[in-house]
Amino acid sequence: MKAAPRILVEEPVENRARRIVRDYISEALPRFGDTESPAAALGADLRDSLGKIRKRLGGLRYRQLDTQLAEANGELQRSGNSDAYIPLVMALLKEYYDGSYSYLMKKRDSEVLFRGTYAEVKAWLADSETLIPN
């Protein structure tokens, strides 16, 4: 896998954050349907996940993001709206995940077959003439 060719999806951070919120919050909520409060259970799960990167974020930044997460969790419980998570996810992408991802990608020495937006990559993959080497 380290030497395998790559296809890179490059999307603006807000688009990525919206997709993550949809996939990991809105669509994940039914997984917690057997609890008394699915939104509260999901919120606790998200808080546990944030705690796992606490050291890398630093104490002050972790507390700021934890407060933002608590506010988003509260909004989800009150209204069922997950939009309050978008700024939090954008911050996490910019401040933590993108740097980690870039570091790992630089360690890999393999060809990039295609690079583009989600829609461009999807179209490229769907093109029957596109051949991906084995």
C-alpha atoms as a PDB file:
ATOM      1  CA  MET A   1       0.000   0.000   0.000  1.00  0.00           C
ATOM      2  CA  LYS A   2       2.853   2.386   0.694  1.00  0.00           C
ATOM      3  CA  ALA A   3       3.933   2.353  -2.941  1.00  0.00           C
ATOM      4  CA  ALA A   4       0.447   2.062  -4.485  1.00  0.00           C
ATOM      5  CA  PRO A   5      -0.703   4.878  -6.778  1.00  0.00           C
ATOM      6  CA  ARG A   6      -3.031   7.420  -5.176  1.00  0.00           C
ATOM      7  CA  ILE A   7      -6.148   9.338  -6.057  1.00  0.00           C
ATOM      8  CA  LEU A   8      -6.496  12.559  -4.078  1.00  0.00           C
ATOM      9  CA  VAL A   9      -9.763  14.294  -3.289  1.00  0.00           C
ATOM     10  CA  GLU A  10      -9.242  18.001  -2.700  1.00  0.00           C
ATOM     11  CA  GLU A  11     -12.238  19.893  -1.381  1.00  0.00           C
ATOM     12  CA  PRO A  12     -12.599  23.220   0.416  1.00  0.00           C
ATOM     13  CA  VAL A  13     -12.568  22.780   4.184  1.00  0.00           C
ATOM     14  CA  GLU A  14     -16.215  23.847   4.594  1.00  0.00           C
ATOM     15  CA  ASN A  15     -17.407  21.235   2.077  1.00  0.00           C
ATOM     16  CA  ARG A  16     -15.390  18.579   3.875  1.00  0.00           C
ATOM     17  CA  ALA A  17     -16.760  19.670   7.243  1.00  0.00           C
ATOM     18  CA  ARG A  18     -20.343  19.532   5.972  1.00  0.00           C
ATOM     19  CA  ARG A  19     -19.789  16.013   4.609  1.00  0.00           C
ATOM     20  CA  ILE A  20     -18.225  14.873   7.901  1.00  0.00           C
ATOM     21  CA  VAL A  21     -21.095  16.340   9.923  1.00  0.00           C
ATOM     22  CA  ARG A  22     -23.577  14.614   7.650  1.00  0.00           C
ATOM     23  CA  ASP A  23     -21.783  11.257   7.827  1.00  0.00           C
ATOM     24  CA  TYR A  24     -20.666  11.232  11.458  1.00  0.00           C
ATOM     25  CA  ILE A  25     -23.452  13.196  13.154  1.00  0.00           C
ATOM     26  CA  SER A  26     -26.685  13.327  11.169  1.00  0.00           C
ATOM     27  CA  GLU A  27     -26.451   9.843   9.692  1.00  0.00           C
ATOM     28  CA  ALA A  28     -24.859   8.350  12.830  1.00  0.00           C
ATOM     29  CA  LEU A  29     -27.668   9.486  15.138  1.00  0.00           C
ATOM     30  CA  PRO A  30     -29.875   6.443  14.404  1.00  0.00           C
ATOM     31  CA  ARG A  31     -27.082   4.192  15.755  1.00  0.00           C
ATOM     32  CA  PHE A  32     -27.909   5.605  19.186  1.00  0.00           C
ATOM     33  CA  GLY A  33     -31.671   5.134  18.769  1.00  0.00           C
ATOM     34  CA  ASP A  34     -31.960   2.517  21.485  1.00  0.00           C
ATOM     35  CA  THR A  35     -30.816   4.975  24.180  1.00  0.00           C
ATOM     36  CA  GLU A  36     -33.017   7.343  26.156  1.00  0.00           C
ATOM     37  CA  SER A  37     -31.519  10.346  24.378  1.00  0.00           C
ATOM     38  CA  PRO A  38     -29.767   9.483  21.099  1.00  0.00           C
ATOM     39  CA  ALA A  39     -28.377  13.023  20.722  1.00  0.00           C
ATOM     40  CA  ALA A  40     -26.914  12.951  24.248  1.00  0.00           C
ATOM     41  CA  ALA A  41     -25.364   9.511  23.644  1.00  0.00           C
ATOM     42  CA  LEU A  42     -23.838  10.657  20.352  1.00  0.00           C
ATOM     43  CA  GLY A  43     -22.572  13.816  22.070  1.00  0.00           C
ATOM     44  CA  ALA A  44     -20.867  11.749  24.774  1.00  0.00           C
ATOM     45  CA  ASP A  45     -19.257   9.588  22.097  1.00  0.00           C
ATOM     46  CA  LEU A  46     -17.987  12.682  20.273  1.00  0.00           C
ATOM     47  CA  ARG A  47     -16.621  14.107  23.515  1.00  0.00           C
ATOM     48  CA  ASP A  48     -14.727  10.862  24.171  1.00  0.00           C
ATOM     49  CA  SER A  49     -13.259  11.091  20.666  1.00  0.00           C
ATOM     50  CA  LEU A  50     -12.162  14.694  21.198  1.00  0.00           C
ATOM     51  CA  GLY A  51     -10.522  13.650  24.464  1.00  0.00           C
ATOM     52  CA  LYS A  52      -8.318  11.207  22.559  1.00  0.00           C
ATOM     53  CA  ILE A  53      -6.525  14.069  20.813  1.00  0.00           C
ATOM     54  CA  ARG A  54      -6.430  16.362  23.829  1.00  0.00           C
ATOM     55  CA  LYS A  55      -2.645  16.205  24.185  1.00  0.00           C
ATOM     56  CA  ARG A  56      -2.035  17.131  20.554  1.00  0.00           C
ATOM     57  CA  LEU A  57      -4.461  20.059  20.763  1.00  0.00           C
ATOM     58  CA  GLY A  58      -3.002  21.473  23.960  1.00  0.00           C
ATOM     59  CA  GLY A  59      -4.914  22.286  27.119  1.00  0.00           C
ATOM     60  CA  LEU A  60      -6.337  25.697  26.202  1.00  0.00           C
ATOM     61  CA  ARG A  61      -7.345  24.755  22.654  1.00  0.00           C
ATOM     62  CA  TYR A  62      -8.859  21.495  23.870  1.00  0.00           C
ATOM     63  CA  ARG A  63     -11.004  23.381  26.409  1.00  0.00           C
ATOM     64  CA  GLN A  64     -12.147  25.838  23.716  1.00  0.00           C
ATOM     65  CA  LEU A  65     -13.104  23.049  21.345  1.00  0.00           C
ATOM     66  CA  ASP A  66     -14.715  21.053  24.143  1.00  0.00           C
ATOM     67  CA  THR A  67     -16.893  24.076  24.953  1.00  0.00           C
ATOM     68  CA  GLN A  68     -17.784  24.431  21.275  1.00  0.00           C
ATOM     69  CA  LEU A  69     -18.619  20.719  21.165  1.00  0.00           C
ATOM     70  CA  ALA A  70     -20.835  21.018  24.247  1.00  0.00           C
ATOM     71  CA  GLU A  71     -22.726  23.888  22.592  1.00  0.00           C
ATOM     72  CA  ALA A  72     -23.171  21.889  19.365  1.00  0.00           C
ATOM     73  CA  ASN A  73     -24.294  18.845  21.364  1.00  0.00           C
ATOM     74  CA  GLY A  74     -26.836  21.023  23.179  1.00  0.00           C
ATOM     75  CA  GLU A  75     -28.171  22.418  19.910  1.00  0.00           C
ATOM     76  CA  LEU A  76     -28.547  18.905  18.500  1.00  0.00           C
ATOM     77  CA  GLN A  77     -30.458  17.825  21.599  1.00  0.00           C
ATOM     78  CA  ARG A  78     -32.719  20.909  21.536  1.00  0.00           C
ATOM     79  CA  SER A  79     -33.483  21.198  17.851  1.00  0.00           C
ATOM     80  CA  GLY A  80     -32.114  18.154  16.054  1.00  0.00           C
ATOM     81  CA  ASN A  81     -29.966  20.529  13.960  1.00  0.00           C
ATOM     82  CA  SER A  82     -26.350  19.489  13.440  1.00  0.00           C
ATOM     83  CA  ASP A  83     -25.102  22.679  11.717  1.00  0.00           C
ATOM     84  CA  ALA A  84     -23.462  23.911  14.933  1.00  0.00           C
ATOM     85  CA  TYR A  85     -20.828  21.185  14.506  1.00  0.00           C
ATOM     86  CA  ILE A  86     -19.568  22.598  11.189  1.00  0.00           C
ATOM     87  CA  PRO A  87     -17.251  25.314  12.646  1.00  0.00           C
ATOM     88  CA  LEU A  88     -15.899  22.805  15.169  1.00  0.00           C
ATOM     89  CA  VAL A  89     -15.142  20.246  12.466  1.00  0.00           C
ATOM     90  CA  MET A  90     -13.539  22.945  10.292  1.00  0.00           C
ATOM     91  CA  ALA A  91     -11.246  23.891  13.176  1.00  0.00           C
ATOM     92  CA  LEU A  92     -10.309  20.263  13.809  1.00  0.00           C
ATOM     93  CA  LEU A  93      -9.573  19.702  10.137  1.00  0.00           C
ATOM     94  CA  LYS A  94      -7.353  22.782   9.863  1.00  0.00           C
ATOM     95  CA  GLU A  95      -5.615  22.503  13.226  1.00  0.00           C
ATOM     96  CA  TYR A  96      -5.202  18.769  13.604  1.00  0.00           C
ATOM     97  CA  TYR A  97      -6.265  16.358  10.881  1.00  0.00           C
ATOM     98  CA  ASP A  98      -4.935  18.134   7.785  1.00  0.00           C
ATOM     99  CA  GLY A  99      -1.456  18.441   9.301  1.00  0.00           C
ATOM    100  CA  SER A 100      -1.397  14.794  10.327  1.00  0.00           C
ATOM    101  CA  TYR A 101      -2.645  13.732   6.904  1.00  0.00           C
ATOM    102  CA  SER A 102      -0.070  15.898   5.083  1.00  0.00           C
ATOM    103  CA  TYR A 103       2.716  14.433   7.173  1.00  0.00           C
ATOM    104  CA  LEU A 104       1.649  10.879   6.363  1.00  0.00           C
ATOM    105  CA  MET A 105       1.217  11.625   2.659  1.00  0.00           C
ATOM    106  CA  LYS A 106       4.732  13.116   2.432  1.00  0.00           C
ATOM    107  CA  LYS A 107       6.131   9.886   3.857  1.00  0.00           C
ATOM    108  CA  ARG A 108       4.607   7.966   0.949  1.00  0.00           C
ATOM    109  CA  ASP A 109       6.526   7.930  -2.275  1.00  0.00           C
ATOM    110  CA  SER A 110       3.974   6.914  -4.864  1.00  0.00           C
ATOM    111  CA  GLU A 111       2.439   8.276  -8.019  1.00  0.00           C
ATOM    112  CA  VAL A 112      -0.713  10.407  -7.882  1.00  0.00           C
ATOM    113  CA  LEU A 113      -2.984   9.108 -10.649  1.00  0.00           C
ATOM    114  CA  PHE A 114      -5.635  11.776 -10.303  1.00  0.00           C
ATOM    115  CA  ARG A 115      -6.347  14.804  -8.153  1.00  0.00           C
ATOM    116  CA  GLY A 116      -9.577  16.789  -8.027  1.00  0.00           C
ATOM    117  CA  THR A 117     -12.761  17.667  -6.206  1.00  0.00           C
ATOM    118  CA  TYR A 118     -15.092  14.964  -4.946  1.00  0.00           C
ATOM    119  CA  ALA A 119     -17.264  15.335  -8.063  1.00  0.00           C
ATOM    120  CA  GLU A 120     -14.241  15.262 -10.376  1.00  0.00           C
ATOM    121  CA  VAL A 121     -12.814  12.140  -8.731  1.00  0.00           C
ATOM    122  CA  LYS A 122     -16.207  10.438  -8.829  1.00  0.00           C
ATOM    123  CA  ALA A 123     -16.541  11.220 -12.550  1.00  0.00           C
ATOM    124  CA  TRP A 124     -12.975  10.090 -13.234  1.00  0.00           C
ATOM    125  CA  LEU A 125     -13.572   6.779 -11.464  1.00  0.00           C
ATOM    126  CA  ALA A 126     -16.889   6.265 -13.261  1.00  0.00           C
ATOM    127  CA  ASP A 127     -15.325   6.843 -16.667  1.00  0.00           C
ATOM    128  CA  SER A 128     -15.195   3.412 -18.275  1.00  0.00           C
ATOM    129  CA  GLU A 129     -12.043   4.364 -20.159  1.00  0.00           C
ATOM    130  CA  THR A 130     -10.146   5.177 -16.980  1.00  0.00           C
ATOM    131  CA  LEU A 131      -7.772   2.374 -16.177  1.00  0.00           C
ATOM    132  CA  ILE A 132      -6.164   2.062 -12.776  1.00  0.00           C
ATOM    133  CA  PRO A 133      -2.968   0.003 -12.935  1.00  0.00           C
ATOM    134  CA  ASN A 134      -2.749  -3.094 -10.749  1.00  0.00           C
END
